Amino acid sequence: MVNIMKNFIYKLTFLYVLQPAYAFAETDANEAFRNSSAVPKKDIIELLNPIITAILGIAATIAVLIIILGGLQYITAAGNPETIQKSKGAVTNAVIGLIATILAYALITFILNNVVR
């Protein structure tokens, strides 16, 4: 059961990393050469925003996976009080982490869009 869950987590993480949402490919290759400079001129906010979004997205994904694993552990506890307590603690901590991640994303988005610009 543990190997199946680890395999599932590895595959889900691998698929998350390969999402096309974070690809910054040039759609028109000639457009870059027509401009005076092929290197885009971006400020630090535009460079950090995708990185911060990706890190918070990974943190939220990990929190959701821990909630799922804690729920599975709770279901398969078979009345063992120690395992039930352990799984409840994992779910509680993961929910707190997920809430912290959502609040961090909201705070960073607010700061980057309203305060810094």
N, C-alpha and C. Protein backbone atom coordinates (compact mmCIF):
# COMPACT_ATOMS: atom_id res chain seq x y z
N MET A 1 0.83 -1.19 0.00
CA MET A 1 0.00 0.00 0.00
C MET A 1 0.87 1.25 0.00
N VAL A 2 1.95 1.20 0.79
CA VAL A 2 2.83 2.36 0.88
C VAL A 2 3.54 2.58 -0.45
N ASN A 3 3.99 1.48 -1.09
CA ASN A 3 4.67 1.62 -2.38
C ASN A 3 3.73 2.16 -3.45
N ILE A 4 2.47 1.76 -3.40
CA ILE A 4 1.49 2.26 -4.37
C ILE A 4 1.28 3.75 -4.17
N MET A 5 1.18 4.19 -2.92
CA MET A 5 0.97 5.61 -2.64
C MET A 5 2.21 6.43 -3.03
N LYS A 6 3.41 5.90 -2.75
CA LYS A 6 4.62 6.61 -3.15
C LYS A 6 4.70 6.73 -4.67
N ASN A 7 4.37 5.65 -5.35
CA ASN A 7 4.38 5.66 -6.81
C ASN A 7 3.37 6.68 -7.33
N PHE A 8 2.19 6.74 -6.72
CA PHE A 8 1.17 7.69 -7.11
C PHE A 8 1.63 9.13 -6.90
N ILE A 9 2.27 9.38 -5.76
CA ILE A 9 2.75 10.72 -5.45
C ILE A 9 3.85 11.13 -6.43
N TYR A 10 4.77 10.20 -6.74
CA TYR A 10 5.83 10.52 -7.69
C TYR A 10 5.25 10.84 -9.06
N LYS A 11 4.28 10.07 -9.51
CA LYS A 11 3.68 10.31 -10.82
C LYS A 11 2.92 11.63 -10.83
N LEU A 12 2.17 11.92 -9.77
CA LEU A 12 1.42 13.16 -9.70
C LEU A 12 2.35 14.37 -9.67
N THR A 13 3.44 14.27 -8.91
CA THR A 13 4.42 15.35 -8.86
C THR A 13 5.07 15.55 -10.22
N PHE A 14 5.40 14.44 -10.89
CA PHE A 14 6.01 14.52 -12.21
C PHE A 14 5.07 15.18 -13.21
N LEU A 15 3.78 14.83 -13.15
CA LEU A 15 2.82 15.45 -14.05
C LEU A 15 2.63 16.93 -13.74
N TYR A 16 2.68 17.29 -12.47
CA TYR A 16 2.52 18.69 -12.08
C TYR A 16 3.68 19.54 -12.60
N VAL A 17 4.88 18.98 -12.54
CA VAL A 17 6.05 19.72 -12.99
C VAL A 17 6.00 19.94 -14.49
N LEU A 18 5.40 19.01 -15.23
CA LEU A 18 5.36 19.11 -16.68
C LEU A 18 4.15 19.88 -17.21
N GLN A 19 3.44 20.57 -16.35
CA GLN A 19 2.27 21.33 -16.80
C GLN A 19 2.70 22.42 -17.77
N PRO A 20 1.95 22.62 -18.82
CA PRO A 20 2.32 23.66 -19.78
C PRO A 20 2.03 25.08 -19.29
N ALA A 21 1.40 25.23 -18.14
CA ALA A 21 1.06 26.56 -17.64
C ALA A 21 2.31 27.38 -17.31
N TYR A 22 3.41 26.73 -17.04
CA TYR A 22 4.62 27.43 -16.67
C TYR A 22 5.63 27.51 -17.81
N ALA A 23 5.22 27.16 -19.01
CA ALA A 23 6.11 27.25 -20.16
C ALA A 23 6.07 28.68 -20.71
N PHE A 24 7.23 29.22 -20.96
CA PHE A 24 7.33 30.58 -21.47
C PHE A 24 7.97 30.56 -22.85
N ALA A 25 7.43 29.76 -23.74
CA ALA A 25 7.99 29.62 -25.07
C ALA A 25 7.59 30.80 -25.94
N GLU A 26 8.46 31.13 -26.86
CA GLU A 26 8.21 32.20 -27.82
C GLU A 26 7.31 31.66 -28.92
N THR A 27 6.20 32.33 -29.19
CA THR A 27 5.27 31.83 -30.20
C THR A 27 5.72 32.19 -31.60
N ASP A 28 6.35 33.31 -31.79
CA ASP A 28 6.83 33.72 -33.09
C ASP A 28 8.34 33.92 -32.98
N ALA A 29 9.10 32.99 -33.53
CA ALA A 29 10.55 33.03 -33.38
C ALA A 29 11.16 34.24 -34.07
N ASN A 30 10.59 34.68 -35.17
CA ASN A 30 11.15 35.82 -35.89
C ASN A 30 10.90 37.14 -35.18
N GLU A 31 9.88 37.19 -34.35
CA GLU A 31 9.56 38.43 -33.63
C GLU A 31 10.70 38.85 -32.71
N ALA A 32 11.38 37.90 -32.12
CA ALA A 32 12.49 38.22 -31.22
C ALA A 32 13.65 38.85 -32.00
N PHE A 33 13.85 38.42 -33.23
CA PHE A 33 14.96 38.96 -34.02
C PHE A 33 14.61 40.30 -34.67
N ARG A 34 13.32 40.58 -34.84
CA ARG A 34 12.91 41.86 -35.42
C ARG A 34 13.10 43.01 -34.44
N ASN A 35 12.99 42.72 -33.17
CA ASN A 35 13.16 43.77 -32.16
C ASN A 35 14.63 44.17 -32.05
N SER A 36 14.87 45.28 -31.42
CA SER A 36 16.25 45.75 -31.27
C SER A 36 17.04 44.86 -30.32
N SER A 37 16.35 44.23 -29.40
CA SER A 37 17.01 43.36 -28.43
C SER A 37 16.20 42.08 -28.29
N ALA A 38 16.86 40.93 -28.38
CA ALA A 38 16.17 39.64 -28.25
C ALA A 38 15.88 39.31 -26.80
N VAL A 39 16.56 39.96 -25.88
CA VAL A 39 16.36 39.69 -24.46
C VAL A 39 15.22 40.58 -23.97
N PRO A 40 14.18 39.98 -23.39
CA PRO A 40 13.08 40.82 -22.91
C PRO A 40 13.50 41.63 -21.69
N LYS A 41 13.02 42.85 -21.66
CA LYS A 41 13.34 43.73 -20.53
C LYS A 41 12.21 43.63 -19.51
N LYS A 42 12.49 42.94 -18.41
CA LYS A 42 11.50 42.76 -17.36
C LYS A 42 12.06 43.27 -16.05
N ASP A 43 11.18 43.74 -15.21
CA ASP A 43 11.63 44.13 -13.89
C ASP A 43 11.60 42.91 -12.98
N ILE A 44 12.07 43.09 -11.78
CA ILE A 44 12.22 41.98 -10.84
C ILE A 44 10.88 41.36 -10.46
N ILE A 45 9.82 42.16 -10.46
CA ILE A 45 8.49 41.64 -10.10
C ILE A 45 8.01 40.65 -11.15
N GLU A 46 8.19 41.01 -12.42
CA GLU A 46 7.76 40.11 -13.48
C GLU A 46 8.58 38.83 -13.52
N LEU A 47 9.81 38.87 -13.04
CA LEU A 47 10.63 37.67 -12.99
C LEU A 47 10.29 36.79 -11.79
N LEU A 48 9.99 37.40 -10.67
CA LEU A 48 9.73 36.63 -9.45
C LEU A 48 8.30 36.08 -9.38
N ASN A 49 7.36 36.73 -10.02
CA ASN A 49 5.96 36.33 -9.90
C ASN A 49 5.72 34.88 -10.34
N PRO A 50 6.22 34.42 -11.50
CA PRO A 50 5.99 33.01 -11.86
C PRO A 50 6.70 32.04 -10.93
N ILE A 51 7.86 32.44 -10.42
CA ILE A 51 8.60 31.56 -9.51
C ILE A 51 7.85 31.40 -8.20
N ILE A 52 7.37 32.50 -7.65
CA ILE A 52 6.61 32.46 -6.40
C ILE A 52 5.31 31.68 -6.59
N THR A 53 4.64 31.89 -7.72
CA THR A 53 3.40 31.17 -7.99
C THR A 53 3.66 29.67 -8.09
N ALA A 54 4.74 29.29 -8.73
CA ALA A 54 5.07 27.87 -8.86
C ALA A 54 5.38 27.24 -7.51
N ILE A 55 6.15 27.94 -6.69
CA ILE A 55 6.50 27.41 -5.37
C ILE A 55 5.26 27.26 -4.50
N LEU A 56 4.38 28.26 -4.50
CA LEU A 56 3.16 28.16 -3.71
C LEU A 56 2.23 27.09 -4.27
N GLY A 57 2.21 26.91 -5.57
CA GLY A 57 1.40 25.85 -6.18
C GLY A 57 1.89 24.47 -5.77
N ILE A 58 3.20 24.29 -5.73
CA ILE A 58 3.77 23.02 -5.29
C ILE A 58 3.46 22.78 -3.81
N ALA A 59 3.56 23.83 -3.00
CA ALA A 59 3.25 23.69 -1.57
C ALA A 59 1.79 23.32 -1.36
N ALA A 60 0.89 23.93 -2.13
CA ALA A 60 -0.53 23.60 -2.01
C ALA A 60 -0.80 22.17 -2.46
N THR A 61 -0.13 21.74 -3.51
CA THR A 61 -0.29 20.36 -3.98
C THR A 61 0.18 19.36 -2.94
N ILE A 62 1.30 19.65 -2.32
CA ILE A 62 1.81 18.77 -1.26
C ILE A 62 0.84 18.73 -0.08
N ALA A 63 0.27 19.86 0.28
CA ALA A 63 -0.69 19.90 1.39
C ALA A 63 -1.93 19.07 1.07
N VAL A 64 -2.42 19.16 -0.16
CA VAL A 64 -3.59 18.37 -0.55
C VAL A 64 -3.25 16.89 -0.54
N LEU A 65 -2.06 16.52 -1.01
CA LEU A 65 -1.65 15.11 -0.98
C LEU A 65 -1.55 14.59 0.45
N ILE A 66 -1.06 15.41 1.37
CA ILE A 66 -0.97 14.99 2.77
C ILE A 66 -2.37 14.83 3.36
N ILE A 67 -3.31 15.69 2.96
CA ILE A 67 -4.69 15.53 3.42
C ILE A 67 -5.26 14.20 2.92
N ILE A 68 -5.00 13.89 1.66
CA ILE A 68 -5.49 12.62 1.10
C ILE A 68 -4.85 11.43 1.80
N LEU A 69 -3.54 11.49 2.00
CA LEU A 69 -2.85 10.38 2.67
C LEU A 69 -3.32 10.24 4.13
N GLY A 70 -3.53 11.35 4.80
CA GLY A 70 -4.05 11.29 6.17
C GLY A 70 -5.44 10.69 6.22
N GLY A 71 -6.27 11.04 5.23
CA GLY A 71 -7.61 10.45 5.16
C GLY A 71 -7.55 8.95 4.90
N LEU A 72 -6.67 8.53 4.01
CA LEU A 72 -6.51 7.10 3.75
C LEU A 72 -5.99 6.37 4.99
N GLN A 73 -5.07 7.01 5.69
CA GLN A 73 -4.55 6.41 6.92
C GLN A 73 -5.65 6.32 7.98
N TYR A 74 -6.51 7.30 8.04
CA TYR A 74 -7.63 7.29 8.98
C TYR A 74 -8.61 6.17 8.64
N ILE A 75 -8.86 6.01 7.34
CA ILE A 75 -9.80 4.97 6.91
C ILE A 75 -9.26 3.58 7.23
N THR A 76 -7.95 3.38 7.02
CA THR A 76 -7.35 2.06 7.22
C THR A 76 -6.82 1.86 8.63
N ALA A 77 -7.17 2.73 9.58
CA ALA A 77 -6.65 2.61 10.94
C ALA A 77 -7.21 1.40 11.68
N ALA A 78 -8.38 0.94 11.30
CA ALA A 78 -9.01 -0.25 11.90
C ALA A 78 -9.18 -0.10 13.40
N GLY A 79 -9.51 1.09 13.86
CA GLY A 79 -9.79 1.31 15.27
C GLY A 79 -8.57 1.48 16.14
N ASN A 80 -7.38 1.50 15.58
CA ASN A 80 -6.16 1.71 16.34
C ASN A 80 -6.08 3.17 16.75
N PRO A 81 -6.17 3.46 18.08
CA PRO A 81 -6.22 4.86 18.51
C PRO A 81 -4.96 5.65 18.16
N GLU A 82 -3.81 5.00 18.19
CA GLU A 82 -2.56 5.69 17.88
C GLU A 82 -2.52 6.13 16.40
N THR A 83 -2.95 5.24 15.51
CA THR A 83 -2.97 5.56 14.09
C THR A 83 -4.03 6.62 13.78
N ILE A 84 -5.17 6.56 14.46
CA ILE A 84 -6.22 7.55 14.27
C ILE A 84 -5.72 8.93 14.69
N GLN A 85 -5.06 9.01 15.83
CA GLN A 85 -4.52 10.29 16.32
C GLN A 85 -3.46 10.82 15.36
N LYS A 86 -2.62 9.93 14.86
CA LYS A 86 -1.57 10.33 13.92
C LYS A 86 -2.16 10.88 12.62
N SER A 87 -3.19 10.21 12.13
CA SER A 87 -3.80 10.65 10.87
C SER A 87 -4.57 11.96 11.06
N LYS A 88 -5.25 12.12 12.19
CA LYS A 88 -5.95 13.38 12.46
C LYS A 88 -4.95 14.54 12.56
N GLY A 89 -3.82 14.29 13.18
CA GLY A 89 -2.79 15.32 13.28
C GLY A 89 -2.23 15.70 11.91
N ALA A 90 -2.04 14.70 11.05
CA ALA A 90 -1.52 14.97 9.70
C ALA A 90 -2.52 15.80 8.91
N VAL A 91 -3.80 15.45 8.98
CA VAL A 91 -4.82 16.20 8.25
C VAL A 91 -4.93 17.62 8.79
N THR A 92 -4.92 17.76 10.11
CA THR A 92 -5.02 19.10 10.72
C THR A 92 -3.85 19.98 10.31
N ASN A 93 -2.64 19.43 10.39
CA ASN A 93 -1.46 20.21 10.01
C ASN A 93 -1.46 20.55 8.53
N ALA A 94 -1.92 19.63 7.70
CA ALA A 94 -1.97 19.89 6.26
C ALA A 94 -3.00 20.97 5.94
N VAL A 95 -4.13 20.97 6.63
CA VAL A 95 -5.14 22.01 6.41
C VAL A 95 -4.59 23.37 6.83
N ILE A 96 -3.89 23.41 7.95
CA ILE A 96 -3.26 24.66 8.40
C ILE A 96 -2.24 25.12 7.36
N GLY A 97 -1.44 24.20 6.84
CA GLY A 97 -0.46 24.55 5.81
C GLY A 97 -1.11 25.04 4.54
N LEU A 98 -2.23 24.42 4.15
CA LEU A 98 -2.94 24.84 2.95
C LEU A 98 -3.52 26.25 3.12
N ILE A 99 -4.09 26.51 4.29
CA ILE A 99 -4.62 27.85 4.56
C ILE A 99 -3.49 28.88 4.55
N ALA A 100 -2.34 28.53 5.15
CA ALA A 100 -1.20 29.44 5.15
C ALA A 100 -0.70 29.69 3.73
N THR A 101 -0.71 28.67 2.89
CA THR A 101 -0.28 28.82 1.51
C THR A 101 -1.23 29.73 0.73
N ILE A 102 -2.52 29.56 0.93
CA ILE A 102 -3.51 30.40 0.24
C ILE A 102 -3.38 31.85 0.70
N LEU A 103 -3.21 32.06 2.00
CA LEU A 103 -3.04 33.42 2.51
C LEU A 103 -1.74 34.04 2.01
N ALA A 104 -0.67 33.24 1.92
CA ALA A 104 0.59 33.76 1.40
C ALA A 104 0.45 34.16 -0.06
N TYR A 105 -0.27 33.36 -0.83
CA TYR A 105 -0.48 33.70 -2.24
C TYR A 105 -1.29 35.00 -2.36
N ALA A 106 -2.34 35.11 -1.55
CA ALA A 106 -3.16 36.33 -1.59
C ALA A 106 -2.35 37.55 -1.18
N LEU A 107 -1.55 37.43 -0.14
CA LEU A 107 -0.74 38.55 0.34
C LEU A 107 0.32 38.95 -0.68
N ILE A 108 1.00 37.98 -1.26
CA ILE A 108 2.04 38.28 -2.25
C ILE A 108 1.43 38.90 -3.50
N THR A 109 0.29 38.37 -3.94
CA THR A 109 -0.38 38.94 -5.11
C THR A 109 -0.81 40.38 -4.84
N PHE A 110 -1.35 40.63 -3.67
CA PHE A 110 -1.77 41.99 -3.31
C PHE A 110 -0.57 42.94 -3.29
N ILE A 111 0.51 42.49 -2.67
CA ILE A 111 1.70 43.35 -2.57
C ILE A 111 2.29 43.62 -3.95
N LEU A 112 2.40 42.59 -4.77
CA LEU A 112 3.01 42.78 -6.09
C LEU A 112 2.14 43.63 -7.00
N ASN A 113 0.84 43.51 -6.92
CA ASN A 113 -0.04 44.24 -7.83
C ASN A 113 -0.40 45.63 -7.36
N ASN A 114 -0.47 45.87 -6.07
CA ASN A 114 -0.96 47.15 -5.57
C ASN A 114 0.09 48.01 -4.89
N VAL A 115 0.96 47.42 -4.14
CA VAL A 115 1.89 48.20 -3.33
C VAL A 115 3.15 48.55 -4.12
N VAL A 116 3.72 47.56 -4.80
CA VAL A 116 5.01 47.77 -5.44
C VAL A 116 4.88 48.58 -6.72
N ARG A 117 3.82 48.40 -7.47
CA ARG A 117 3.68 49.08 -8.79
C ARG A 117 3.12 50.45 -8.64
